[in-house]
Amino acid sequence: MLRNLNKKAVLFFIFAWFNFSIMEVTAKYLSFKYPITEVIWIRFFSQTIVLFLIFFPFIKTKLVTHSLYLHISRGVCLFFAALFFFIGFTKTDLANATAIYKTSPIFLTLGSIFFLKETNFLVIKFLTVFLALIGALIIINPSSSSFSIYSFFPLFAAISLAIFGLITRYFGERENPFTSIIYTALTGTILSSFLFPFFDWKPFVMQDIPFFVVIGTVSTLGHFLLIKAFQIEEASNLASFSTVVIFFNTLWGILLFSEYPSINFYIGSILIILSFIILFRNISNFKTLH
């Protein structure tokens, strides 16, 4: 199966997730200096600025849409995914939070059975959901003395991202993907701005501006690379490669924050990655035969 994949698409896809890992580790660093709600606002606002600079000559064209409700609903889901995930990885280890967050496609699979009536591969789908949930619970480890309720936040983030995917599947991709990125960034900026009155906000330090630019740049580049990858290869064929972000964020956690994963992390991550491989290999083989 791997021989039949477009190598350029795989590279685009892996590099996209590398960019997302840079965004996440930068956000975790900033969370030591700013409230997490402020970091979330920075994440969406900086991406909005980068997008407007890129598309400035024809931004009005990119903002034209016949599916505003679709973009807003997806933007709301992405905002809550970022909110829960950012809270999760700032209160727990980055590697643990990332591995749990990667259960999102499995929740999407579960949702597609009940809400979209996608009943093919039922046994395989329920098996992969079971494996992924067991893996996530092993990492969360509620019986541990060091257990934190924040360990569940990446799971909430995964569910939010799965709802984002369900909405996209239900309505379909009707418009230019760059239009969708702009609206989701705008929606996230507006929603995170509503948090201003409810939390203490710290003034920005000039030395941190480059980190804001990094977040906006790599998050935008990551989305662009995903779009390029999906233009030349089917998403289901690439999905398993997204688990590479677990490796990236584990490495950043060790090198930058001295966060050494426990044995539970490795066992849980193996189960989550295995669920990916089983699910998407069966889907790819089915498409090949038909």
Protein backbone atom coordinates (compact mmCIF):
# COMPACT_ATOMS: atom_id res chain seq x y z
CA MET A 1 0.00 0.00 0.00
CA LEU A 2 2.82 2.39 0.88
CA ARG A 3 4.38 1.95 -2.56
CA ASN A 4 1.20 3.28 -4.17
CA LEU A 5 1.10 6.46 -2.09
CA ASN A 6 2.16 9.75 -3.59
CA LYS A 7 5.48 10.46 -1.84
CA LYS A 8 5.13 14.23 -2.26
CA ALA A 9 1.72 14.12 -0.55
CA VAL A 10 3.17 12.12 2.36
CA LEU A 11 5.99 14.64 2.77
CA PHE A 12 3.56 17.57 2.63
CA PHE A 13 1.36 15.84 5.21
CA ILE A 14 4.18 15.02 7.65
CA PHE A 15 5.67 18.51 7.31
CA ALA A 16 2.20 19.97 7.99
CA TRP A 17 2.06 18.13 11.31
CA PHE A 18 5.62 19.21 12.07
CA ASN A 19 4.44 22.81 11.72
CA PHE A 20 1.47 22.14 14.01
CA SER A 21 3.85 20.66 16.59
CA ILE A 22 5.95 23.85 16.42
CA MET A 23 2.77 25.87 17.05
CA GLU A 24 1.85 23.72 20.05
CA VAL A 25 5.26 23.75 21.69
CA THR A 26 5.46 27.54 21.20
CA ALA A 27 2.01 27.90 22.78
CA LYS A 28 3.11 25.78 25.75
CA TYR A 29 6.18 28.01 26.19
CA LEU A 30 4.04 31.16 26.11
CA SER A 31 1.64 29.64 28.66
CA PHE A 32 4.40 30.00 31.28
CA LYS A 33 4.28 33.77 30.73
CA TYR A 34 0.65 34.48 29.80
CA PRO A 35 -2.78 33.11 30.80
CA ILE A 36 -3.81 30.25 28.53
CA THR A 37 -6.87 32.19 27.32
CA GLU A 38 -4.50 34.89 26.10
CA VAL A 39 -2.35 32.31 24.33
CA ILE A 40 -5.43 30.95 22.55
CA TRP A 41 -6.32 34.46 21.40
CA ILE A 42 -2.74 34.89 20.13
CA ARG A 43 -3.02 31.60 18.23
CA PHE A 44 -6.11 32.67 16.26
CA PHE A 45 -5.36 36.39 15.95
CA SER A 46 -1.81 35.84 14.66
CA GLN A 47 -3.08 33.34 12.07
CA THR A 48 -5.78 35.81 10.97
CA ILE A 49 -3.14 38.52 10.47
CA VAL A 50 -0.88 36.17 8.47
CA LEU A 51 -3.80 35.09 6.26
CA PHE A 52 -4.89 38.67 5.59
CA LEU A 53 -1.31 39.61 4.66
CA ILE A 54 -1.04 36.66 2.26
CA PHE A 55 -4.39 37.29 0.56
CA PHE A 56 -4.44 41.08 0.94
CA PRO A 57 -4.65 41.90 -2.80
CA PHE A 58 -7.77 39.75 -3.20
CA ILE A 59 -9.05 39.24 0.36
CA LYS A 60 -12.60 40.33 -0.62
CA THR A 61 -12.75 37.50 -3.14
CA LYS A 62 -11.64 34.97 -0.53
CA LEU A 63 -14.30 36.21 1.90
CA VAL A 64 -17.14 35.65 -0.56
CA THR A 65 -19.09 32.62 0.62
CA HIS A 66 -22.45 30.95 0.17
CA SER A 67 -21.99 28.82 3.29
CA LEU A 68 -21.33 31.29 6.10
CA TYR A 69 -23.20 29.13 8.64
CA LEU A 70 -20.96 26.19 7.73
CA HIS A 71 -17.75 28.19 8.22
CA ILE A 72 -18.94 29.64 11.53
CA SER A 73 -20.05 26.27 12.92
CA ARG A 74 -16.72 24.70 11.98
CA GLY A 75 -14.89 27.70 13.42
CA VAL A 76 -16.73 27.25 16.74
CA CYS A 77 -15.73 23.57 16.85
CA LEU A 78 -12.10 24.38 16.05
CA PHE A 79 -12.08 27.07 18.74
CA PHE A 80 -13.24 24.63 21.41
CA ALA A 81 -10.79 22.00 20.16
CA ALA A 82 -7.95 24.51 20.57
CA LEU A 83 -9.29 25.72 23.93
CA PHE A 84 -9.49 22.23 25.45
CA PHE A 85 -6.24 21.02 23.88
CA PHE A 86 -4.24 24.09 24.94
CA ILE A 87 -5.55 23.83 28.50
CA GLY A 88 -4.75 20.12 28.43
CA PHE A 89 -1.14 20.36 27.29
CA THR A 90 -0.33 23.30 29.57
CA LYS A 91 -1.65 21.50 32.65
CA THR A 92 -0.29 18.05 31.74
CA ASP A 93 2.61 16.69 29.66
CA LEU A 94 2.64 17.70 26.00
CA ALA A 95 3.20 14.11 24.82
CA ASN A 96 0.28 12.70 26.82
CA ALA A 97 -2.09 15.44 25.66
CA THR A 98 -1.07 14.95 22.02
CA ALA A 99 -1.56 11.18 22.06
CA ILE A 100 -5.04 11.56 23.57
CA TYR A 101 -5.91 14.34 21.10
CA LYS A 102 -5.05 12.02 18.21
CA THR A 103 -8.10 9.90 19.04
CA SER A 104 -10.17 12.53 17.18
CA PRO A 105 -10.43 10.57 13.87
CA ILE A 106 -11.65 7.58 15.86
CA PHE A 107 -14.42 9.67 17.42
CA LEU A 108 -15.18 10.92 13.92
CA THR A 109 -15.54 7.31 12.84
CA LEU A 110 -17.93 6.63 15.73
CA GLY A 111 -19.95 9.75 14.94
CA SER A 112 -20.17 8.81 11.27
CA ILE A 113 -21.86 5.53 12.24
CA PHE A 114 -24.61 7.12 14.33
CA PHE A 115 -25.12 10.49 12.60
CA LEU A 116 -24.13 9.90 8.97
CA LYS A 117 -25.25 6.25 8.83
CA GLU A 118 -21.89 5.11 7.45
CA THR A 119 -22.35 1.46 8.43
CA ASN A 120 -19.64 -0.19 6.34
CA PHE A 121 -16.78 -1.87 8.29
CA LEU A 122 -18.88 -1.81 11.49
CA VAL A 123 -16.82 -4.49 13.27
CA ILE A 124 -13.52 -2.84 12.29
CA LYS A 125 -14.79 0.62 13.30
CA PHE A 126 -16.01 -0.49 16.73
CA LEU A 127 -12.74 -2.38 17.27
CA THR A 128 -10.65 0.69 16.48
CA VAL A 129 -12.83 2.93 18.69
CA PHE A 130 -12.41 0.43 21.53
CA LEU A 131 -8.61 0.27 21.07
CA ALA A 132 -8.28 4.07 20.92
CA LEU A 133 -10.42 4.65 24.02
CA ILE A 134 -8.51 2.02 25.99
CA GLY A 135 -5.26 3.66 24.86
CA ALA A 136 -6.49 7.11 25.94
CA LEU A 137 -7.64 5.82 29.34
CA ILE A 138 -4.29 4.10 29.90
CA ILE A 139 -2.53 7.42 29.29
CA ILE A 140 -5.01 9.40 31.42
CA ASN A 141 -4.69 6.76 34.17
CA PRO A 142 -7.50 7.95 36.50
CA SER A 143 -6.33 5.59 39.28
CA SER A 144 -2.91 7.23 39.50
CA SER A 145 -2.02 9.41 42.50
CA SER A 146 -0.80 12.05 40.05
CA PHE A 147 -4.09 12.03 38.10
CA SER A 148 -5.42 15.46 37.09
CA ILE A 149 -8.89 16.29 35.78
CA TYR A 150 -7.06 18.30 33.10
CA SER A 151 -5.98 14.98 31.55
CA PHE A 152 -9.51 14.67 30.15
CA PHE A 153 -9.32 18.03 28.34
CA PRO A 154 -7.44 16.67 25.28
CA LEU A 155 -10.24 14.08 25.03
CA PHE A 156 -12.81 16.91 24.96
CA ALA A 157 -10.64 18.57 22.30
CA ALA A 158 -10.64 15.37 20.24
CA ILE A 159 -14.44 15.20 20.41
CA SER A 160 -14.71 18.87 19.35
CA LEU A 161 -12.44 18.22 16.36
CA ALA A 162 -14.47 15.13 15.47
CA ILE A 163 -17.65 17.25 15.42
CA PHE A 164 -15.78 19.64 13.09
CA GLY A 165 -15.14 16.68 10.79
CA LEU A 166 -18.75 15.47 10.98
CA ILE A 167 -20.05 18.91 9.97
CA THR A 168 -17.61 18.98 7.05
CA ARG A 169 -18.67 15.50 5.90
CA TYR A 170 -22.37 16.26 6.22
CA PHE A 171 -22.27 19.46 4.19
CA GLY A 172 -19.28 18.57 2.02
CA GLU A 173 -16.43 20.85 0.92
CA ARG A 174 -18.42 23.40 -1.07
CA GLU A 175 -15.88 26.18 -1.40
CA ASN A 176 -12.23 27.08 -1.64
CA PRO A 177 -10.40 25.53 1.36
CA PHE A 178 -8.52 28.80 1.91
CA THR A 179 -11.86 30.57 2.44
CA SER A 180 -12.62 28.02 5.15
CA ILE A 181 -9.26 28.63 6.86
CA ILE A 182 -9.83 32.40 6.90
CA TYR A 183 -13.29 32.07 8.42
CA THR A 184 -12.22 29.55 11.06
CA ALA A 185 -9.34 31.85 12.08
CA LEU A 186 -11.72 34.84 12.24
CA THR A 187 -14.27 32.88 14.26
CA GLY A 188 -11.59 31.74 16.70
CA THR A 189 -10.30 35.29 17.09
CA ILE A 190 -13.78 36.66 17.81
CA LEU A 191 -14.70 33.91 20.29
CA SER A 192 -11.40 34.14 22.15
CA SER A 193 -11.82 37.94 22.31
CA PHE A 194 -15.05 37.40 24.28
CA LEU A 195 -12.90 35.87 27.03
CA PHE A 196 -11.14 39.20 27.70
CA PRO A 197 -13.56 40.48 30.40
CA PHE A 198 -13.49 37.20 32.36
CA PHE A 199 -9.76 36.66 32.83
CA ASP A 200 -6.67 38.63 33.81
CA TRP A 201 -4.71 39.60 30.74
CA LYS A 202 -1.02 40.42 30.85
CA PRO A 203 0.54 43.12 28.65
CA PHE A 204 2.62 41.73 25.82
CA VAL A 205 6.39 41.83 26.12
CA MET A 206 8.16 42.97 22.95
CA GLN A 207 10.62 40.06 23.15
CA ASP A 208 7.69 37.66 22.75
CA ILE A 209 6.40 39.15 19.48
CA PRO A 210 8.56 36.77 17.38
CA PHE A 211 6.85 33.83 19.10
CA PHE A 212 3.44 35.27 18.15
CA VAL A 213 4.64 35.51 14.55
CA VAL A 214 5.86 31.91 14.68
CA ILE A 215 2.45 30.66 15.86
CA GLY A 216 0.61 32.53 13.12
CA THR A 217 3.08 31.47 10.43
CA VAL A 218 3.41 27.75 11.21
CA SER A 219 -0.33 27.25 11.82
CA THR A 220 -1.06 28.83 8.43
CA LEU A 221 1.71 26.91 6.69
CA GLY A 222 0.49 23.69 8.28
CA HIS A 223 -3.03 24.21 6.89
CA PHE A 224 -1.66 25.07 3.43
CA LEU A 225 0.42 21.89 3.39
CA LEU A 226 -2.59 19.80 4.43
CA ILE A 227 -4.56 21.26 1.53
CA LYS A 228 -1.73 20.52 -0.92
CA ALA A 229 -1.42 16.95 0.40
CA PHE A 230 -5.17 16.32 0.09
CA GLN A 231 -5.16 17.69 -3.44
CA ILE A 232 -2.85 14.90 -4.63
CA GLU A 233 -3.73 12.03 -2.28
CA GLU A 234 -6.90 10.81 -0.54
CA ALA A 235 -7.24 11.84 3.11
CA SER A 236 -7.90 8.27 4.29
CA ASN A 237 -4.59 7.15 2.78
CA LEU A 238 -2.69 9.81 4.71
CA ALA A 239 -4.53 9.81 8.03
CA SER A 240 -2.25 7.29 9.77
CA PHE A 241 0.77 9.54 9.16
CA SER A 242 -0.77 12.25 11.38
CA THR A 243 0.31 10.20 14.41
CA VAL A 244 3.86 11.40 13.68
CA VAL A 245 2.94 14.51 15.71
CA ILE A 246 3.02 12.28 18.82
CA PHE A 247 6.72 11.68 18.13
CA PHE A 248 7.39 15.38 17.48
CA ASN A 249 5.66 16.58 20.65
CA THR A 250 7.23 13.84 22.76
CA LEU A 251 10.64 15.03 21.54
CA TRP A 252 9.84 18.71 22.29
CA GLY A 253 8.52 17.75 25.74
CA ILE A 254 11.75 15.93 26.62
CA LEU A 255 14.15 18.49 25.15
CA LEU A 256 12.43 21.72 26.21
CA PHE A 257 10.33 20.91 29.27
CA SER A 258 12.02 17.81 30.74
CA GLU A 259 8.74 15.90 30.41
CA TYR A 260 9.71 12.23 30.27
CA PRO A 261 6.77 10.00 29.29
CA SER A 262 5.70 7.14 31.54
CA ILE A 263 5.22 3.52 30.46
CA ASN A 264 1.46 4.26 30.30
CA PHE A 265 2.12 6.80 27.55
CA TYR A 266 3.95 4.28 25.37
CA ILE A 267 1.38 1.52 25.85
CA GLY A 268 -1.56 3.90 25.23
CA SER A 269 0.12 5.50 22.21
CA ILE A 270 0.78 2.10 20.64
CA LEU A 271 -2.92 1.22 20.98
CA ILE A 272 -4.01 4.55 19.49
CA ILE A 273 -1.59 4.28 16.55
CA LEU A 274 -2.63 0.64 16.04
CA SER A 275 -6.29 1.71 15.85
CA PHE A 276 -5.33 4.20 13.12
CA ILE A 277 -3.46 1.59 11.10
CA ILE A 278 -6.26 -1.00 11.34
CA LEU A 279 -9.01 1.47 10.41
CA PHE A 280 -7.40 3.34 7.55
CA ARG A 281 -5.64 0.32 6.05
CA ASN A 282 -9.02 -1.43 5.74
CA ILE A 283 -10.60 1.67 4.20
CA SER A 284 -7.74 2.04 1.71
CA ASN A 285 -7.84 -1.65 0.75
CA PHE A 286 -11.60 -1.44 0.20
CA LYS A 287 -11.17 1.56 -2.11
CA THR A 288 -8.42 -0.24 -4.01
CA LEU A 289 -10.64 -3.28 -4.62
CA HIS A 290 -13.57 -1.14 -5.75
